[in-house]
Amino acid sequence: FMATVNFELDPREQQLFEDLVELMALTREDRELIREEAS
């Protein structure tokens, strides 16, 4: 949600977000749901 505030992620922010998603080990379904909700 915070990443959608300015509608742009620079490459460093995008990588940090992807790293966070990976480290939190959410299910594929939950990752997709979160992306849909943020969109």
All heavy atoms as atom14 arrays in JSON, in Angstrom:
{
  "sequence": "FMATVNFELDPREQQLFEDLVELMALTREDRELIREEAS",
  "atom14_mask": [
    [1, 1, 1, 1, 1, 1, 1, 1, 1, 1, 1, 0, 0, 0],
    [1, 1, 1, 1, 1, 1, 1, 1, 0, 0, 0, 0, 0, 0],
    [1, 1, 1, 1, 1, 0, 0, 0, 0, 0, 0, 0, 0, 0],
    [1, 1, 1, 1, 1, 1, 1, 0, 0, 0, 0, 0, 0, 0],
    [1, 1, 1, 1, 1, 1, 1, 0, 0, 0, 0, 0, 0, 0],
    [1, 1, 1, 1, 1, 1, 1, 1, 0, 0, 0, 0, 0, 0],
    [1, 1, 1, 1, 1, 1, 1, 1, 1, 1, 1, 0, 0, 0],
    [1, 1, 1, 1, 1, 1, 1, 1, 1, 0, 0, 0, 0, 0],
    [1, 1, 1, 1, 1, 1, 1, 1, 0, 0, 0, 0, 0, 0],
    [1, 1, 1, 1, 1, 1, 1, 1, 0, 0, 0, 0, 0, 0],
    [1, 1, 1, 1, 1, 1, 1, 0, 0, 0, 0, 0, 0, 0],
    [1, 1, 1, 1, 1, 1, 1, 1, 1, 1, 1, 0, 0, 0],
    [1, 1, 1, 1, 1, 1, 1, 1, 1, 0, 0, 0, 0, 0],
    [1, 1, 1, 1, 1, 1, 1, 1, 1, 0, 0, 0, 0, 0],
    [1, 1, 1, 1, 1, 1, 1, 1, 1, 0, 0, 0, 0, 0],
    [1, 1, 1, 1, 1, 1, 1, 1, 0, 0, 0, 0, 0, 0],
    [1, 1, 1, 1, 1, 1, 1, 1, 1, 1, 1, 0, 0, 0],
    [1, 1, 1, 1, 1, 1, 1, 1, 1, 0, 0, 0, 0, 0],
    [1, 1, 1, 1, 1, 1, 1, 1, 0, 0, 0, 0, 0, 0],
    [1, 1, 1, 1, 1, 1, 1, 1, 0, 0, 0, 0, 0, 0],
    [1, 1, 1, 1, 1, 1, 1, 0, 0, 0, 0, 0, 0, 0],
    [1, 1, 1, 1, 1, 1, 1, 1, 1, 0, 0, 0, 0, 0],
    [1, 1, 1, 1, 1, 1, 1, 1, 0, 0, 0, 0, 0, 0],
    [1, 1, 1, 1, 1, 1, 1, 1, 0, 0, 0, 0, 0, 0],
    [1, 1, 1, 1, 1, 0, 0, 0, 0, 0, 0, 0, 0, 0],
    [1, 1, 1, 1, 1, 1, 1, 1, 0, 0, 0, 0, 0, 0],
    [1, 1, 1, 1, 1, 1, 1, 0, 0, 0, 0, 0, 0, 0],
    [1, 1, 1, 1, 1, 1, 1, 1, 1, 1, 1, 0, 0, 0],
    [1, 1, 1, 1, 1, 1, 1, 1, 1, 0, 0, 0, 0, 0],
    [1, 1, 1, 1, 1, 1, 1, 1, 0, 0, 0, 0, 0, 0],
    [1, 1, 1, 1, 1, 1, 1, 1, 1, 1, 1, 0, 0, 0],
    [1, 1, 1, 1, 1, 1, 1, 1, 1, 0, 0, 0, 0, 0],
    [1, 1, 1, 1, 1, 1, 1, 1, 0, 0, 0, 0, 0, 0],
    [1, 1, 1, 1, 1, 1, 1, 1, 0, 0, 0, 0, 0, 0],
    [1, 1, 1, 1, 1, 1, 1, 1, 1, 1, 1, 0, 0, 0],
    [1, 1, 1, 1, 1, 1, 1, 1, 1, 0, 0, 0, 0, 0],
    [1, 1, 1, 1, 1, 1, 1, 1, 1, 0, 0, 0, 0, 0],
    [1, 1, 1, 1, 1, 0, 0, 0, 0, 0, 0, 0, 0, 0],
    [1, 1, 1, 1, 1, 1, 0, 0, 0, 0, 0, 0, 0, 0]
  ],
  "atom14_positions": [
    [[0.83, -1.2, 0.0], [0.0, 0.0, 0.0], [0.87, 1.25, 0.0], [0.58, 2.22, -0.7], [-0.95, 0.01, 1.18], [-2.13, -0.91, 1.05], [-3.02, -1.06, 2.1], [-2.37, -1.65, -0.1], [-4.12, -1.9, 2.0], [-3.45, -2.5, -0.21], [-4.34, -2.62, 0.83], [0.0, 0.0, 0.0], [0.0, 0.0, 0.0], [0.0, 0.0, 0.0]],
    [[1.92, 1.24, 0.79], [2.81, 2.41, 0.84], [3.5, 2.61, -0.5], [3.73, 3.74, -0.93], [3.83, 2.24, 1.96], [3.2, 2.38, 3.33], [4.25, 1.93, 4.73], [5.79, 2.69, 4.37], [0.0, 0.0, 0.0], [0.0, 0.0, 0.0], [0.0, 0.0, 0.0], [0.0, 0.0, 0.0], [0.0, 0.0, 0.0], [0.0, 0.0, 0.0]],
    [[3.8, 1.53, -1.19], [4.46, 1.63, -2.49], [3.55, 2.25, -3.54], [4.04, 2.79, -4.54], [4.91, 0.24, -2.95], [0.0, 0.0, 0.0], [0.0, 0.0, 0.0], [0.0, 0.0, 0.0], [0.0, 0.0, 0.0], [0.0, 0.0, 0.0], [0.0, 0.0, 0.0], [0.0, 0.0, 0.0], [0.0, 0.0, 0.0], [0.0, 0.0, 0.0]],
    [[2.25, 2.19, -3.33], [1.33, 2.75, -4.32], [1.06, 4.23, -4.1], [0.42, 4.87, -4.92], [-0.02, 2.0, -4.31], [-0.65, 2.21, -3.04], [0.15, 0.53, -4.58], [0.0, 0.0, 0.0], [0.0, 0.0, 0.0], [0.0, 0.0, 0.0], [0.0, 0.0, 0.0], [0.0, 0.0, 0.0], [0.0, 0.0, 0.0], [0.0, 0.0, 0.0]],
    [[1.56, 4.79, -3.02], [1.27, 6.18, -2.69], [1.72, 7.14, -3.79], [0.98, 8.02, -4.2], [1.92, 6.58, -1.34], [1.85, 8.07, -1.09], [1.23, 5.83, -0.21], [0.0, 0.0, 0.0], [0.0, 0.0, 0.0], [0.0, 0.0, 0.0], [0.0, 0.0, 0.0], [0.0, 0.0, 0.0], [0.0, 0.0, 0.0], [0.0, 0.0, 0.0]],
    [[2.93, 6.96, -4.29], [3.41, 7.87, -5.34], [3.35, 7.24, -6.73], [3.8, 7.84, -7.68], [4.81, 8.38, -5.02], [5.86, 7.3, -5.09], [5.58, 6.14, -5.34], [7.1, 7.68, -4.86], [0.0, 0.0, 0.0], [0.0, 0.0, 0.0], [0.0, 0.0, 0.0], [0.0, 0.0, 0.0], [0.0, 0.0, 0.0], [0.0, 0.0, 0.0]],
    [[2.81, 6.06, -6.83], [2.59, 5.35, -8.09], [3.87, 5.02, -8.85], [3.83, 4.63, -9.99], [1.64, 6.14, -9.01], [0.33, 6.42, -8.35], [0.03, 7.7, -7.9], [-0.6, 5.43, -8.16], [-1.18, 7.96, -7.28], [-1.81, 5.68, -7.54], [-2.1, 6.96, -7.1], [0.0, 0.0, 0.0], [0.0, 0.0, 0.0], [0.0, 0.0, 0.0]],
    [[5.01, 5.22, -8.2], [6.28, 4.89, -8.83], [7.21, 4.28, -7.81], [7.36, 4.8, -6.71], [6.97, 6.15, -9.37], [6.38, 6.72, -10.61], [7.17, 7.93, -11.08], [8.39, 7.99, -10.82], [6.56, 8.8, -11.69], [0.0, 0.0, 0.0], [0.0, 0.0, 0.0], [0.0, 0.0, 0.0], [0.0, 0.0, 0.0], [0.0, 0.0, 0.0]],
    [[7.82, 3.2, -8.18], [8.89, 2.63, -7.36], [10.17, 2.75, -8.18], [10.2, 2.33, -9.34], [8.64, 1.16, -7.05], [7.57, 0.81, -6.05], [7.47, -0.7, -5.9], [7.84, 1.44, -4.71], [0.0, 0.0, 0.0], [0.0, 0.0, 0.0], [0.0, 0.0, 0.0], [0.0, 0.0, 0.0], [0.0, 0.0, 0.0], [0.0, 0.0, 0.0]],
    [[11.2, 3.34, -7.58], [12.46, 3.33, -8.3], [13.01, 1.9, -8.21], [12.52, 1.09, -7.43], [13.42, 4.4, -7.79], [13.95, 4.16, -6.39], [14.2, 2.99, -6.02], [14.11, 5.14, -5.66], [0.0, 0.0, 0.0], [0.0, 0.0, 0.0], [0.0, 0.0, 0.0], [0.0, 0.0, 0.0], [0.0, 0.0, 0.0], [0.0, 0.0, 0.0]],
    [[14.0, 1.56, -9.02], [14.5, 0.18, -9.04], [14.95, -0.32, -7.66], [14.74, -1.48, -7.32], [15.69, 0.25, -10.01], [15.35, 1.38, -10.91], [14.62, 2.39, -10.06], [0.0, 0.0, 0.0], [0.0, 0.0, 0.0], [0.0, 0.0, 0.0], [0.0, 0.0, 0.0], [0.0, 0.0, 0.0], [0.0, 0.0, 0.0], [0.0, 0.0, 0.0]],
    [[15.54, 0.55, -6.86], [15.99, 0.14, -5.52], [14.8, -0.18, -4.63], [14.81, -1.18, -3.91], [16.84, 1.25, -4.92], [17.58, 0.83, -3.68], [18.39, 1.96, -3.15], [17.45, 2.96, -2.65], [17.77, 4.01, -1.93], [19.01, 4.23, -1.64], [16.87, 4.85, -1.51], [0.0, 0.0, 0.0], [0.0, 0.0, 0.0], [0.0, 0.0, 0.0]],
    [[13.75, 0.65, -4.67], [12.55, 0.39, -3.89], [11.88, -0.89, -4.35], [11.41, -1.68, -3.53], [11.55, 1.55, -4.03], [11.97, 2.82, -3.36], [11.05, 3.98, -3.68], [10.59, 4.08, -4.85], [10.77, 4.77, -2.77], [0.0, 0.0, 0.0], [0.0, 0.0, 0.0], [0.0, 0.0, 0.0], [0.0, 0.0, 0.0], [0.0, 0.0, 0.0]],
    [[11.82, -1.1, -5.66], [11.2, -2.3, -6.2], [11.94, -3.55, -5.72], [11.32, -4.52, -5.31], [11.19, -2.26, -7.73], [10.52, -3.45, -8.38], [9.04, -3.54, -8.09], [8.35, -2.53, -8.08], [8.54, -4.73, -7.86], [0.0, 0.0, 0.0], [0.0, 0.0, 0.0], [0.0, 0.0, 0.0], [0.0, 0.0, 0.0], [0.0, 0.0, 0.0]],
    [[13.27, -3.51, -5.75], [14.05, -4.66, -5.3], [13.86, -4.91, -3.81], [13.72, -6.05, -3.38], [15.54, -4.46, -5.61], [16.38, -5.67, -5.29], [15.93, -6.9, -6.07], [15.87, -6.87, -7.3], [15.61, -7.98, -5.37], [0.0, 0.0, 0.0], [0.0, 0.0, 0.0], [0.0, 0.0, 0.0], [0.0, 0.0, 0.0], [0.0, 0.0, 0.0]],
    [[13.82, -3.84, -3.02], [13.61, -3.98, -1.58], [12.25, -4.6, -1.31], [12.12, -5.5, -0.47], [13.73, -2.62, -0.89], [13.58, -2.63, 0.62], [14.66, -3.5, 1.27], [13.63, -1.21, 1.17], [0.0, 0.0, 0.0], [0.0, 0.0, 0.0], [0.0, 0.0, 0.0], [0.0, 0.0, 0.0], [0.0, 0.0, 0.0], [0.0, 0.0, 0.0]],
    [[11.23, -4.16, -2.04], [9.9, -4.74, -1.86], [9.89, -6.22, -2.24], [9.36, -7.05, -1.51], [8.85, -3.98, -2.68], [7.48, -4.56, -2.57], [6.73, -4.39, -1.41], [6.94, -5.31, -3.6], [5.47, -4.95, -1.28], [5.67, -5.86, -3.48], [4.94, -5.69, -2.32], [0.0, 0.0, 0.0], [0.0, 0.0, 0.0], [0.0, 0.0, 0.0]],
    [[10.51, -6.56, -3.36], [10.58, -7.96, -3.79], [11.33, -8.8, -2.76], [10.93, -9.93, -2.47], [11.22, -8.07, -5.17], [10.42, -7.43, -6.29], [9.02, -8.01, -6.46], [8.82, -9.22, -6.21], [8.11, -7.25, -6.83], [0.0, 0.0, 0.0], [0.0, 0.0, 0.0], [0.0, 0.0, 0.0], [0.0, 0.0, 0.0], [0.0, 0.0, 0.0]],
    [[12.41, -8.26, -2.22], [13.16, -8.98, -1.18], [12.29, -9.22, 0.05], [12.3, -10.31, 0.63], [14.41, -8.2, -0.77], [15.47, -8.16, -1.86], [15.36, -8.91, -2.85], [16.41, -7.34, -1.71], [0.0, 0.0, 0.0], [0.0, 0.0, 0.0], [0.0, 0.0, 0.0], [0.0, 0.0, 0.0], [0.0, 0.0, 0.0], [0.0, 0.0, 0.0]],
    [[11.55, -8.19, 0.44], [10.67, -8.31, 1.6], [9.62, -9.39, 1.37], [9.39, -10.25, 2.23], [9.98, -6.97, 1.89], [8.97, -6.98, 3.03], [9.66, -7.24, 4.36], [8.19, -5.68, 3.06], [0.0, 0.0, 0.0], [0.0, 0.0, 0.0], [0.0, 0.0, 0.0], [0.0, 0.0, 0.0], [0.0, 0.0, 0.0], [0.0, 0.0, 0.0]],
    [[9.0, -9.38, 0.2], [7.98, -10.39, -0.12], [8.58, -11.79, -0.04], [7.99, -12.69, 0.55], [7.37, -10.12, -1.52], [6.5, -11.29, -1.98], [6.57, -8.82, -1.51], [0.0, 0.0, 0.0], [0.0, 0.0, 0.0], [0.0, 0.0, 0.0], [0.0, 0.0, 0.0], [0.0, 0.0, 0.0], [0.0, 0.0, 0.0], [0.0, 0.0, 0.0]],
    [[9.77, -11.95, -0.59], [10.43, -13.26, -0.57], [10.77, -13.7, 0.86], [10.52, -14.83, 1.26], [11.7, -13.2, -1.42], [12.4, -14.52, -1.55], [11.65, -15.51, -2.42], [10.9, -15.09, -3.31], [11.82, -16.72, -2.19], [0.0, 0.0, 0.0], [0.0, 0.0, 0.0], [0.0, 0.0, 0.0], [0.0, 0.0, 0.0], [0.0, 0.0, 0.0]],
    [[11.31, -12.78, 1.63], [11.71, -13.11, 3.01], [10.53, -13.44, 3.91], [10.65, -14.26, 4.82], [12.51, -11.95, 3.62], [13.9, -11.74, 3.04], [14.44, -10.38, 3.47], [14.82, -12.86, 3.48], [0.0, 0.0, 0.0], [0.0, 0.0, 0.0], [0.0, 0.0, 0.0], [0.0, 0.0, 0.0], [0.0, 0.0, 0.0], [0.0, 0.0, 0.0]],
    [[9.39, -12.84, 3.66], [8.22, -13.08, 4.5], [7.55, -14.41, 4.19], [6.68, -14.86, 4.92], [7.21, -11.93, 4.38], [7.7, -10.66, 5.03], [7.97, -10.9, 6.8], [8.53, -9.3, 7.27], [0.0, 0.0, 0.0], [0.0, 0.0, 0.0], [0.0, 0.0, 0.0], [0.0, 0.0, 0.0], [0.0, 0.0, 0.0], [0.0, 0.0, 0.0]],
    [[7.96, -15.04, 3.11], [7.51, -16.4, 2.76], [6.0, -16.55, 2.79], [5.46, -17.51, 3.35], [8.17, -17.42, 3.69], [0.0, 0.0, 0.0], [0.0, 0.0, 0.0], [0.0, 0.0, 0.0], [0.0, 0.0, 0.0], [0.0, 0.0, 0.0], [0.0, 0.0, 0.0], [0.0, 0.0, 0.0], [0.0, 0.0, 0.0], [0.0, 0.0, 0.0]],
    [[5.32, -15.63, 2.11], [3.86, -15.74, 1.99], [3.52, -16.76, 0.91], [4.32, -17.01, 0.0], [3.26, -14.39, 1.61], [3.48, -13.24, 2.58], [2.78, -11.98, 2.07], [3.01, -13.57, 3.98], [0.0, 0.0, 0.0], [0.0, 0.0, 0.0], [0.0, 0.0, 0.0], [0.0, 0.0, 0.0], [0.0, 0.0, 0.0], [0.0, 0.0, 0.0]],
    [[2.34, -17.3, 0.99], [1.9, -18.23, -0.06], [1.75, -17.46, -1.37], [1.58, -16.23, -1.38], [0.56, -18.88, 0.29], [-0.45, -17.86, 0.3], [0.61, -19.62, 1.62], [0.0, 0.0, 0.0], [0.0, 0.0, 0.0], [0.0, 0.0, 0.0], [0.0, 0.0, 0.0], [0.0, 0.0, 0.0], [0.0, 0.0, 0.0], [0.0, 0.0, 0.0]],
    [[1.82, -18.17, -2.46], [1.64, -17.55, -3.78], [0.3, -16.84, -3.85], [0.19, -15.72, -4.35], [1.74, -18.61, -4.88], [1.61, -18.03, -6.29], [1.77, -19.09, -7.37], [0.99, -20.29, -7.15], [-0.33, -20.4, -7.43], [-0.98, -19.39, -7.91], [-0.96, -21.54, -7.23], [0.0, 0.0, 0.0], [0.0, 0.0, 0.0], [0.0, 0.0, 0.0]],
    [[-0.74, -17.48, -3.31], [-2.08, -16.89, -3.34], [-2.14, -15.58, -2.57], [-2.75, -14.61, -3.01], [-3.12, -17.87, -2.79], [-3.32, -19.11, -3.64], [-2.28, -20.21, -3.39], [-1.46, -20.08, -2.43], [-2.25, -21.18, -4.15], [0.0, 0.0, 0.0], [0.0, 0.0, 0.0], [0.0, 0.0, 0.0], [0.0, 0.0, 0.0], [0.0, 0.0, 0.0]],
    [[-1.48, -15.55, -1.41], [-1.47, -14.32, -0.61], [-0.67, -13.22, -1.3], [-1.06, -12.05, -1.26], [-0.95, -14.58, 0.8], [-1.99, -15.24, 1.7], [-3.19, -15.23, 1.35], [-1.6, -15.77, 2.76], [0.0, 0.0, 0.0], [0.0, 0.0, 0.0], [0.0, 0.0, 0.0], [0.0, 0.0, 0.0], [0.0, 0.0, 0.0], [0.0, 0.0, 0.0]],
    [[0.44, -13.58, -1.92], [1.22, -12.57, -2.66], [0.37, -11.97, -3.78], [0.36, -10.75, -3.97], [2.5, -13.18, -3.21], [3.52, -13.53, -2.15], [4.87, -13.89, -2.75], [4.82, -14.86, -3.82], [5.02, -16.17, -3.68], [5.31, -16.67, -2.49], [4.97, -16.97, -4.71], [0.0, 0.0, 0.0], [0.0, 0.0, 0.0], [0.0, 0.0, 0.0]],
    [[-0.34, -12.81, -4.51], [-1.19, -12.33, -5.6], [-2.32, -11.45, -5.07], [-2.63, -10.41, -5.65], [-1.76, -13.51, -6.39], [-0.7, -14.23, -7.22], [-1.22, -15.51, -7.85], [-2.44, -15.8, -7.77], [-0.39, -16.23, -8.42], [0.0, 0.0, 0.0], [0.0, 0.0, 0.0], [0.0, 0.0, 0.0], [0.0, 0.0, 0.0], [0.0, 0.0, 0.0]],
    [[-2.92, -11.86, -3.97], [-4.0, -11.08, -3.36], [-3.49, -9.69, -2.95], [-4.15, -8.68, -3.23], [-4.58, -11.81, -2.15], [-5.59, -11.03, -1.31], [-6.81, -10.65, -2.14], [-5.99, -11.85, -0.1], [0.0, 0.0, 0.0], [0.0, 0.0, 0.0], [0.0, 0.0, 0.0], [0.0, 0.0, 0.0], [0.0, 0.0, 0.0], [0.0, 0.0, 0.0]],
    [[-2.35, -9.63, -2.32], [-1.79, -8.35, -1.9], [-1.52, -7.46, -3.11], [-1.83, -6.27, -3.1], [-0.53, -8.56, -1.04], [-0.95, -9.11, 0.33], [0.27, -7.27, -0.91], [0.2, -9.58, 1.2], [0.0, 0.0, 0.0], [0.0, 0.0, 0.0], [0.0, 0.0, 0.0], [0.0, 0.0, 0.0], [0.0, 0.0, 0.0], [0.0, 0.0, 0.0]],
    [[-0.98, -8.02, -4.15], [-0.72, -7.23, -5.36], [-2.02, -6.72, -5.97], [-2.1, -5.57, -6.41], [0.08, -8.05, -6.38], [1.51, -8.28, -5.95], [2.29, -9.06, -7.01], [3.51, -9.63, -6.5], [4.64, -8.96, -6.26], [4.68, -7.69, -6.46], [5.7, -9.59, -5.8], [0.0, 0.0, 0.0], [0.0, 0.0, 0.0], [0.0, 0.0, 0.0]],
    [[-3.05, -7.55, -5.98], [-4.36, -7.13, -6.5], [-4.94, -5.99, -5.65], [-5.46, -5.01, -6.18], [-5.33, -8.3, -6.52], [-5.03, -9.33, -7.57], [-5.88, -10.6, -7.4], [-6.87, -10.58, -6.65], [-5.51, -11.61, -8.01], [0.0, 0.0, 0.0], [0.0, 0.0, 0.0], [0.0, 0.0, 0.0], [0.0, 0.0, 0.0], [0.0, 0.0, 0.0]],
    [[-4.87, -6.14, -4.32], [-5.41, -5.12, -3.43], [-4.65, -3.8, -3.61], [-5.27, -2.73, -3.63], [-5.34, -5.58, -1.97], [-6.26, -6.75, -1.66], [-7.73, -6.38, -1.78], [-8.18, -5.47, -1.06], [-8.43, -7.0, -2.6], [0.0, 0.0, 0.0], [0.0, 0.0, 0.0], [0.0, 0.0, 0.0], [0.0, 0.0, 0.0], [0.0, 0.0, 0.0]],
    [[-3.34, -3.86, -3.74], [-2.55, -2.65, -3.93], [-2.86, -2.01, -5.28], [-2.95, -0.78, -5.39], [-1.06, -2.97, -3.82], [0.0, 0.0, 0.0], [0.0, 0.0, 0.0], [0.0, 0.0, 0.0], [0.0, 0.0, 0.0], [0.0, 0.0, 0.0], [0.0, 0.0, 0.0], [0.0, 0.0, 0.0], [0.0, 0.0, 0.0], [0.0, 0.0, 0.0]],
    [[-3.07, -2.83, -6.3], [-3.42, -2.3, -7.62], [-4.75, -1.57, -7.6], [-4.91, -0.51, -8.2], [-3.48, -3.42, -8.66], [-2.2, -3.97, -8.85], [0.0, 0.0, 0.0], [0.0, 0.0, 0.0], [0.0, 0.0, 0.0], [0.0, 0.0, 0.0], [0.0, 0.0, 0.0], [0.0, 0.0, 0.0], [0.0, 0.0, 0.0], [0.0, 0.0, 0.0]]
  ]
}
